[in-house]
Amino acid sequence: MNTNSVTIQLPTDEISFLQQYAARHSITMSELIDRYARLLQVSQKYDIHPDIQKMTGIIPKDVAVEEIFYHHVMEKHT
């Protein structure tokens, strides 16, 4: 595999987070960025279905969706 070097500028907090994340998962920063780039490539191959896209954002942000779902499941299974 051919590789190139690239220099990027990110806020210090972001770099620290990425370094800690990579260390926790026993990978290098290069591997982390490579994996994310590959994930982005794959995700672009599949568009979100138009019906799903239409539903995006229809639930107001102030609705406690997880709480409502939790109560629904509890009522259903008790």
PDB file of N, CA and C in Angstrom:
ATOM      1  N   MET A   1       0.846  -1.166   0.000  1.00  0.00           N
ATOM      2  CA  MET A   1       0.000   0.000   0.000  1.00  0.00           C
ATOM      3  C   MET A   1       0.899   1.238   0.000  1.00  0.00           C
ATOM      4  N   ASN A   2       0.649   2.140  -0.935  1.00  0.00           N
ATOM      5  CA  ASN A   2       1.383   3.400  -0.968  1.00  0.00           C
ATOM      6  C   ASN A   2       0.834   4.332   0.099  1.00  0.00           C
ATOM      7  N   THR A   3       1.721   5.029   0.762  1.00  0.00           N
ATOM      8  CA  THR A   3       1.290   5.976   1.787  1.00  0.00           C
ATOM      9  C   THR A   3       1.928   7.331   1.552  1.00  0.00           C
ATOM     10  N   ASN A   4       1.282   8.350   2.065  1.00  0.00           N
ATOM     11  CA  ASN A   4       1.791   9.713   2.041  1.00  0.00           C
ATOM     12  C   ASN A   4       1.664  10.290   3.432  1.00  0.00           C
ATOM     13  N   SER A   5       2.420  11.327   3.691  1.00  0.00           N
ATOM     14  CA  SER A   5       2.311  12.032   4.965  1.00  0.00           C
ATOM     15  C   SER A   5       1.438  13.259   4.759  1.00  0.00           C
ATOM     16  N   VAL A   6       0.721  13.592   5.807  1.00  0.00           N
ATOM     17  CA  VAL A   6      -0.110  14.793   5.773  1.00  0.00           C
ATOM     18  C   VAL A   6      -0.038  15.455   7.148  1.00  0.00           C
ATOM     19  N   THR A   7      -0.040  16.757   7.151  1.00  0.00           N
ATOM     20  CA  THR A   7      -0.042  17.502   8.407  1.00  0.00           C
ATOM     21  C   THR A   7      -1.391  18.185   8.532  1.00  0.00           C
ATOM     22  N   ILE A   8      -2.038  18.006   9.688  1.00  0.00           N
ATOM     23  CA  ILE A   8      -3.324  18.652   9.908  1.00  0.00           C
ATOM     24  C   ILE A   8      -3.251  19.492  11.174  1.00  0.00           C
ATOM     25  N   GLN A   9      -4.074  20.487  11.225  1.00  0.00           N
ATOM     26  CA  GLN A   9      -4.147  21.329  12.405  1.00  0.00           C
ATOM     27  C   GLN A   9      -5.525  21.148  13.027  1.00  0.00           C
ATOM     28  N   LEU A  10      -5.532  20.731  14.292  1.00  0.00           N
ATOM     29  CA  LEU A  10      -6.764  20.537  15.045  1.00  0.00           C
ATOM     30  C   LEU A  10      -6.606  21.212  16.400  1.00  0.00           C
ATOM     31  N   PRO A  11      -7.726  21.544  17.030  1.00  0.00           N
ATOM     32  CA  PRO A  11      -7.625  22.075  18.394  1.00  0.00           C
ATOM     33  C   PRO A  11      -6.943  21.059  19.313  1.00  0.00           C
ATOM     34  N   THR A  12      -6.220  21.568  20.282  1.00  0.00           N
ATOM     35  CA  THR A  12      -5.468  20.721  21.206  1.00  0.00           C
ATOM     36  C   THR A  12      -6.362  19.686  21.873  1.00  0.00           C
ATOM     37  N   ASP A  13      -7.565  20.081  22.262  1.00  0.00           N
ATOM     38  CA  ASP A  13      -8.492  19.148  22.909  1.00  0.00           C
ATOM     39  C   ASP A  13      -8.833  17.973  22.002  1.00  0.00           C
ATOM     40  N   GLU A  14      -9.026  18.264  20.721  1.00  0.00           N
ATOM     41  CA  GLU A  14      -9.365  17.205  19.767  1.00  0.00           C
ATOM     42  C   GLU A  14      -8.194  16.235  19.599  1.00  0.00           C
ATOM     43  N   ILE A  15      -7.016  16.764  19.507  1.00  0.00           N
ATOM     44  CA  ILE A  15      -5.830  15.910  19.362  1.00  0.00           C
ATOM     45  C   ILE A  15      -5.664  15.032  20.598  1.00  0.00           C
ATOM     46  N   SER A  16      -5.841  15.615  21.775  1.00  0.00           N
ATOM     47  CA  SER A  16      -5.728  14.830  23.013  1.00  0.00           C
ATOM     48  C   SER A  16      -6.760  13.705  23.032  1.00  0.00           C
ATOM     49  N   PHE A  17      -7.984  14.027  22.651  1.00  0.00           N
ATOM     50  CA  PHE A  17      -9.029  12.996  22.610  1.00  0.00           C
ATOM     51  C   PHE A  17      -8.648  11.870  21.661  1.00  0.00           C
ATOM     52  N   LEU A  18      -8.201  12.224  20.466  1.00  0.00           N
ATOM     53  CA  LEU A  18      -7.835  11.203  19.475  1.00  0.00           C
ATOM     54  C   LEU A  18      -6.666  10.345  19.958  1.00  0.00           C
ATOM     55  N   GLN A  19      -5.691  10.969  20.594  1.00  0.00           N
ATOM     56  CA  GLN A  19      -4.548  10.211  21.124  1.00  0.00           C
ATOM     57  C   GLN A  19      -5.000   9.242  22.211  1.00  0.00           C
ATOM     58  N   GLN A  20      -5.867   9.698  23.103  1.00  0.00           N
ATOM     59  CA  GLN A  20      -6.365   8.831  24.176  1.00  0.00           C
ATOM     60  C   GLN A  20      -7.212   7.701  23.603  1.00  0.00           C
ATOM     61  N   TYR A  21      -8.054   8.026  22.643  1.00  0.00           N
ATOM     62  CA  TYR A  21      -8.902   7.014  22.014  1.00  0.00           C
ATOM     63  C   TYR A  21      -8.037   5.945  21.352  1.00  0.00           C
ATOM     64  N   ALA A  22      -7.051   6.382  20.592  1.00  0.00           N
ATOM     65  CA  ALA A  22      -6.160   5.440  19.909  1.00  0.00           C
ATOM     66  C   ALA A  22      -5.420   4.566  20.921  1.00  0.00           C
ATOM     67  N   ALA A  23      -4.935   5.166  21.991  1.00  0.00           N
ATOM     68  CA  ALA A  23      -4.214   4.400  23.011  1.00  0.00           C
ATOM     69  C   ALA A  23      -5.129   3.368  23.673  1.00  0.00           C
ATOM     70  N   ARG A  24      -6.363   3.760  24.001  1.00  0.00           N
ATOM     71  CA  ARG A  24      -7.307   2.827  24.634  1.00  0.00           C
ATOM     72  C   ARG A  24      -7.631   1.640  23.732  1.00  0.00           C
ATOM     73  N   HIS A  25      -7.574   1.868  22.426  1.00  0.00           N
ATOM     74  CA  HIS A  25      -7.907   0.798  21.483  1.00  0.00           C
ATOM     75  C   HIS A  25      -6.672   0.155  20.860  1.00  0.00           C
ATOM     76  N   SER A  26      -5.510   0.480  21.408  1.00  0.00           N
ATOM     77  CA  SER A  26      -4.231  -0.103  20.974  1.00  0.00           C
ATOM     78  C   SER A  26      -3.989   0.053  19.480  1.00  0.00           C
ATOM     79  N   ILE A  27      -4.254   1.241  18.984  1.00  0.00           N
ATOM     80  CA  ILE A  27      -3.979   1.540  17.579  1.00  0.00           C
ATOM     81  C   ILE A  27      -3.224   2.871  17.515  1.00  0.00           C
ATOM     82  N   THR A  28      -2.606   3.122  16.383  1.00  0.00           N
ATOM     83  CA  THR A  28      -1.907   4.384  16.194  1.00  0.00           C
ATOM     84  C   THR A  28      -2.890   5.435  15.692  1.00  0.00           C
ATOM     85  N   MET A  29      -2.461   6.680  15.756  1.00  0.00           N
ATOM     86  CA  MET A  29      -3.286   7.762  15.217  1.00  0.00           C
ATOM     87  C   MET A  29      -3.505   7.550  13.720  1.00  0.00           C
ATOM     88  N   SER A  30      -2.480   7.089  13.025  1.00  0.00           N
ATOM     89  CA  SER A  30      -2.615   6.837  11.589  1.00  0.00           C
ATOM     90  C   SER A  30      -3.677   5.772  11.324  1.00  0.00           C
ATOM     91  N   GLU A  31      -3.666   4.702  12.117  1.00  0.00           N
ATOM     92  CA  GLU A  31      -4.666   3.647  11.952  1.00  0.00           C
ATOM     93  C   GLU A  31      -6.069   4.181  12.237  1.00  0.00           C
ATOM     94  N   LEU A  32      -6.190   5.005  13.257  1.00  0.00           N
ATOM     95  CA  LEU A  32      -7.479   5.573  13.613  1.00  0.00           C
ATOM     96  C   LEU A  32      -8.035   6.401  12.467  1.00  0.00           C
ATOM     97  N   ILE A  33      -7.225   7.272  11.914  1.00  0.00           N
ATOM     98  CA  ILE A  33      -7.672   8.121  10.814  1.00  0.00           C
ATOM     99  C   ILE A  33      -7.948   7.291   9.569  1.00  0.00           C
ATOM    100  N   ASP A  34      -7.107   6.290   9.303  1.00  0.00           N
ATOM    101  CA  ASP A  34      -7.320   5.405   8.156  1.00  0.00           C
ATOM    102  C   ASP A  34      -8.649   4.668   8.271  1.00  0.00           C
ATOM    103  N   ARG A  35      -8.940   4.136   9.453  1.00  0.00           N
ATOM    104  CA  ARG A  35     -10.200   3.409   9.657  1.00  0.00           C
ATOM    105  C   ARG A  35     -11.403   4.326   9.454  1.00  0.00           C
ATOM    106  N   TYR A  36     -11.295   5.541   9.975  1.00  0.00           N
ATOM    107  CA  TYR A  36     -12.413   6.467   9.828  1.00  0.00           C
ATOM    108  C   TYR A  36     -12.601   6.870   8.366  1.00  0.00           C
ATOM    109  N   ALA A  37     -11.503   7.082   7.654  1.00  0.00           N
ATOM    110  CA  ALA A  37     -11.588   7.425   6.231  1.00  0.00           C
ATOM    111  C   ALA A  37     -12.248   6.294   5.447  1.00  0.00           C
ATOM    112  N   ARG A  38     -11.900   5.060   5.765  1.00  0.00           N
ATOM    113  CA  ARG A  38     -12.522   3.914   5.080  1.00  0.00           C
ATOM    114  C   ARG A  38     -14.009   3.821   5.403  1.00  0.00           C
ATOM    115  N   LEU A  39     -14.365   4.103   6.654  1.00  0.00           N
ATOM    116  CA  LEU A  39     -15.769   4.100   7.049  1.00  0.00           C
ATOM    117  C   LEU A  39     -16.550   5.157   6.277  1.00  0.00           C
ATOM    118  N   LEU A  40     -15.957   6.319   6.119  1.00  0.00           N
ATOM    119  CA  LEU A  40     -16.616   7.373   5.344  1.00  0.00           C
ATOM    120  C   LEU A  40     -16.809   6.959   3.890  1.00  0.00           C
ATOM    121  N   GLN A  41     -15.808   6.283   3.328  1.00  0.00           N
ATOM    122  CA  GLN A  41     -15.921   5.830   1.947  1.00  0.00           C
ATOM    123  C   GLN A  41     -17.071   4.844   1.787  1.00  0.00           C
ATOM    124  N   VAL A  42     -17.182   3.911   2.711  1.00  0.00           N
ATOM    125  CA  VAL A  42     -18.247   2.909   2.645  1.00  0.00           C
ATOM    126  C   VAL A  42     -19.608   3.559   2.834  1.00  0.00           C
ATOM    127  N   SER A  43     -19.693   4.481   3.786  1.00  0.00           N
ATOM    128  CA  SER A  43     -20.992   5.099   4.075  1.00  0.00           C
ATOM    129  C   SER A  43     -21.496   5.929   2.902  1.00  0.00           C
ATOM    130  N   GLN A  44     -20.604   6.449   2.088  1.00  0.00           N
ATOM    131  CA  GLN A  44     -21.037   7.233   0.938  1.00  0.00           C
ATOM    132  C   GLN A  44     -21.578   6.365  -0.191  1.00  0.00           C
ATOM    133  N   LYS A  45     -21.285   5.087  -0.161  1.00  0.00           N
ATOM    134  CA  LYS A  45     -21.790   4.188  -1.193  1.00  0.00           C
ATOM    135  C   LYS A  45     -23.282   3.954  -1.047  1.00  0.00           C
ATOM    136  N   TYR A  46     -23.796   4.125   0.176  1.00  0.00           N
ATOM    137  CA  TYR A  46     -25.191   3.830   0.446  1.00  0.00           C
ATOM    138  C   TYR A  46     -25.901   5.090   0.904  1.00  0.00           C
ATOM    139  N   ASP A  47     -26.779   5.589   0.053  1.00  0.00           N
ATOM    140  CA  ASP A  47     -27.547   6.764   0.433  1.00  0.00           C
ATOM    141  C   ASP A  47     -28.652   6.355   1.387  1.00  0.00           C
ATOM    142  N   ILE A  48     -29.051   7.301   2.239  1.00  0.00           N
ATOM    143  CA  ILE A  48     -30.182   7.055   3.128  1.00  0.00           C
ATOM    144  C   ILE A  48     -31.439   7.010   2.268  1.00  0.00           C
ATOM    145  N   HIS A  49     -32.272   6.025   2.526  1.00  0.00           N
ATOM    146  CA  HIS A  49     -33.509   5.878   1.762  1.00  0.00           C
ATOM    147  C   HIS A  49     -34.324   7.163   1.883  1.00  0.00           C
ATOM    148  N   PRO A  50     -34.925   7.616   0.779  1.00  0.00           N
ATOM    149  CA  PRO A  50     -35.691   8.868   0.817  1.00  0.00           C
ATOM    150  C   PRO A  50     -36.780   8.908   1.885  1.00  0.00           C
ATOM    151  N   ASP A  51     -37.437   7.774   2.149  1.00  0.00           N
ATOM    152  CA  ASP A  51     -38.481   7.750   3.177  1.00  0.00           C
ATOM    153  C   ASP A  51     -37.888   8.011   4.563  1.00  0.00           C
ATOM    154  N   ILE A  52     -36.700   7.476   4.814  1.00  0.00           N
ATOM    155  CA  ILE A  52     -36.025   7.713   6.086  1.00  0.00           C
ATOM    156  C   ILE A  52     -35.564   9.167   6.158  1.00  0.00           C
ATOM    157  N   GLN A  53     -35.054   9.682   5.064  1.00  0.00           N
ATOM    158  CA  GLN A  53     -34.587  11.067   5.021  1.00  0.00           C
ATOM    159  C   GLN A  53     -35.732  12.031   5.329  1.00  0.00           C
ATOM    160  N   LYS A  54     -36.934  11.725   4.846  1.00  0.00           N
ATOM    161  CA  LYS A  54     -38.097  12.580   5.114  1.00  0.00           C
ATOM    162  C   LYS A  54     -38.419  12.651   6.601  1.00  0.00           C
ATOM    163  N   MET A  55     -38.148  11.554   7.338  1.00  0.00           N
ATOM    164  CA  MET A  55     -38.469  11.503   8.761  1.00  0.00           C
ATOM    165  C   MET A  55     -37.445  12.222   9.626  1.00  0.00           C
ATOM    166  N   THR A  56     -36.288  12.502   9.084  1.00  0.00           N
ATOM    167  CA  THR A  56     -35.231  13.134   9.863  1.00  0.00           C
ATOM    168  C   THR A  56     -35.690  14.488  10.379  1.00  0.00           C
ATOM    169  N   GLY A  57     -35.621  14.651  11.700  1.00  0.00           N
ATOM    170  CA  GLY A  57     -35.946  15.927  12.316  1.00  0.00           C
ATOM    171  C   GLY A  57     -37.413  16.162  12.603  1.00  0.00           C
ATOM    172  N   ILE A  58     -38.284  15.150  12.409  1.00  0.00           N
ATOM    173  CA  ILE A  58     -39.704  15.402  12.643  1.00  0.00           C
ATOM    174  C   ILE A  58     -40.075  15.361  14.117  1.00  0.00           C
ATOM    175  N   ILE A  59     -39.227  14.758  14.946  1.00  0.00           N
ATOM    176  CA  ILE A  59     -39.486  14.739  16.391  1.00  0.00           C
ATOM    177  C   ILE A  59     -38.790  15.956  16.998  1.00  0.00           C
ATOM    178  N   PRO A  60     -39.559  16.816  17.684  1.00  0.00           N
ATOM    179  CA  PRO A  60     -38.953  18.004  18.283  1.00  0.00           C
ATOM    180  C   PRO A  60     -37.834  17.636  19.260  1.00  0.00           C
ATOM    181  N   LYS A  61     -36.838  18.503  19.369  1.00  0.00           N
ATOM    182  CA  LYS A  61     -35.675  18.239  20.215  1.00  0.00           C
ATOM    183  C   LYS A  61     -36.014  18.185  21.690  1.00  0.00           C
ATOM    184  N   ASP A  62     -37.127  18.803  22.100  1.00  0.00           N
ATOM    185  CA  ASP A  62     -37.465  18.831  23.525  1.00  0.00           C
ATOM    186  C   ASP A  62     -38.237  17.592  23.978  1.00  0.00           C
ATOM    187  N   VAL A  63     -38.473  16.643  23.071  1.00  0.00           N
ATOM    188  CA  VAL A  63     -39.165  15.401  23.417  1.00  0.00           C
ATOM    189  C   VAL A  63     -38.149  14.409  23.970  1.00  0.00           C
ATOM    190  N   ALA A  64     -38.459  13.837  25.131  1.00  0.00           N
ATOM    191  CA  ALA A  64     -37.573  12.859  25.777  1.00  0.00           C
ATOM    192  C   ALA A  64     -37.832  11.483  25.172  1.00  0.00           C
ATOM    193  N   VAL A  65     -37.280  11.250  24.007  1.00  0.00           N
ATOM    194  CA  VAL A  65     -37.555  10.038  23.235  1.00  0.00           C
ATOM    195  C   VAL A  65     -37.172   8.777  24.006  1.00  0.00           C
ATOM    196  N   GLU A  66     -35.994   8.766  24.622  1.00  0.00           N
ATOM    197  CA  GLU A  66     -35.548   7.567  25.336  1.00  0.00           C
ATOM    198  C   GLU A  66     -36.462   7.263  26.516  1.00  0.00           C
ATOM    199  N   GLU A  67     -36.904   8.290  27.205  1.00  0.00           N
ATOM    200  CA  GLU A  67     -37.803   8.092  28.341  1.00  0.00           C
ATOM    201  C   GLU A  67     -39.157   7.553  27.880  1.00  0.00           C
ATOM    202  N   ILE A  68     -39.673   8.104  26.809  1.00  0.00           N
ATOM    203  CA  ILE A  68     -40.953   7.632  26.263  1.00  0.00           C
ATOM    204  C   ILE A  68     -40.827   6.177  25.826  1.00  0.00           C
ATOM    205  N   PHE A  69     -39.741   5.842  25.157  1.00  0.00           N
ATOM    206  CA  PHE A  69     -39.525   4.464  24.714  1.00  0.00           C
ATOM    207  C   PHE A  69     -39.418   3.525  25.915  1.00  0.00           C
ATOM    208  N   TYR A  70     -38.681   3.949  26.938  1.00  0.00           N
ATOM    209  CA  TYR A  70     -38.524   3.139  28.145  1.00  0.00           C
ATOM    210  C   TYR A  70     -39.895   2.833  28.760  1.00  0.00           C
ATOM    211  N   HIS A  71     -40.735   3.856  28.907  1.00  0.00           N
ATOM    212  CA  HIS A  71     -42.065   3.654  29.478  1.00  0.00           C
ATOM    213  C   HIS A  71     -42.917   2.737  28.600  1.00  0.00           C
ATOM    214  N   HIS A  72     -42.779   2.883  27.307  1.00  0.00           N
ATOM    215  CA  HIS A  72     -43.507   2.012  26.365  1.00  0.00           C
ATOM    216  C   HIS A  72     -43.106   0.552  26.569  1.00  0.00           C
ATOM    217  N   VAL A  73     -41.818   0.305  26.634  1.00  0.00           N
ATOM    218  CA  VAL A  73     -41.335  -1.069  26.808  1.00  0.00           C
ATOM    219  C   VAL A  73     -41.767  -1.631  28.150  1.00  0.00           C
ATOM    220  N   MET A  74     -41.703  -0.824  29.203  1.00  0.00           N
ATOM    221  CA  MET A  74     -42.112  -1.279  30.525  1.00  0.00           C
ATOM    222  C   MET A  74     -43.604  -1.638  30.564  1.00  0.00           C
ATOM    223  N   GLU A  75     -44.417  -0.809  29.927  1.00  0.00           N
ATOM    224  CA  GLU A  75     -45.857  -1.095  29.887  1.00  0.00           C
ATOM    225  C   GLU A  75     -46.146  -2.359  29.060  1.00  0.00           C
ATOM    226  N   LYS A  76     -45.423  -2.504  27.988  1.00  0.00           N
ATOM    227  CA  LYS A  76     -45.633  -3.648  27.096  1.00  0.00           C
ATOM    228  C   LYS A  76     -45.251  -4.961  27.763  1.00  0.00           C
ATOM    229  N   HIS A  77     -44.192  -4.954  28.563  1.00  0.00           N
ATOM    230  CA  HIS A  77     -43.660  -6.199  29.111  1.00  0.00           C
ATOM    231  C   HIS A  77     -43.948  -6.417  30.584  1.00  0.00           C
ATOM    232  N   THR A  78     -44.852  -5.641  31.154  1.00  0.00           N
ATOM    233  CA  THR A  78     -45.216  -5.871  32.552  1.00  0.00           C
ATOM    234  C   THR A  78     -46.702  -6.112  32.674  1.00  0.00           C
TER     235      THR A  78
END
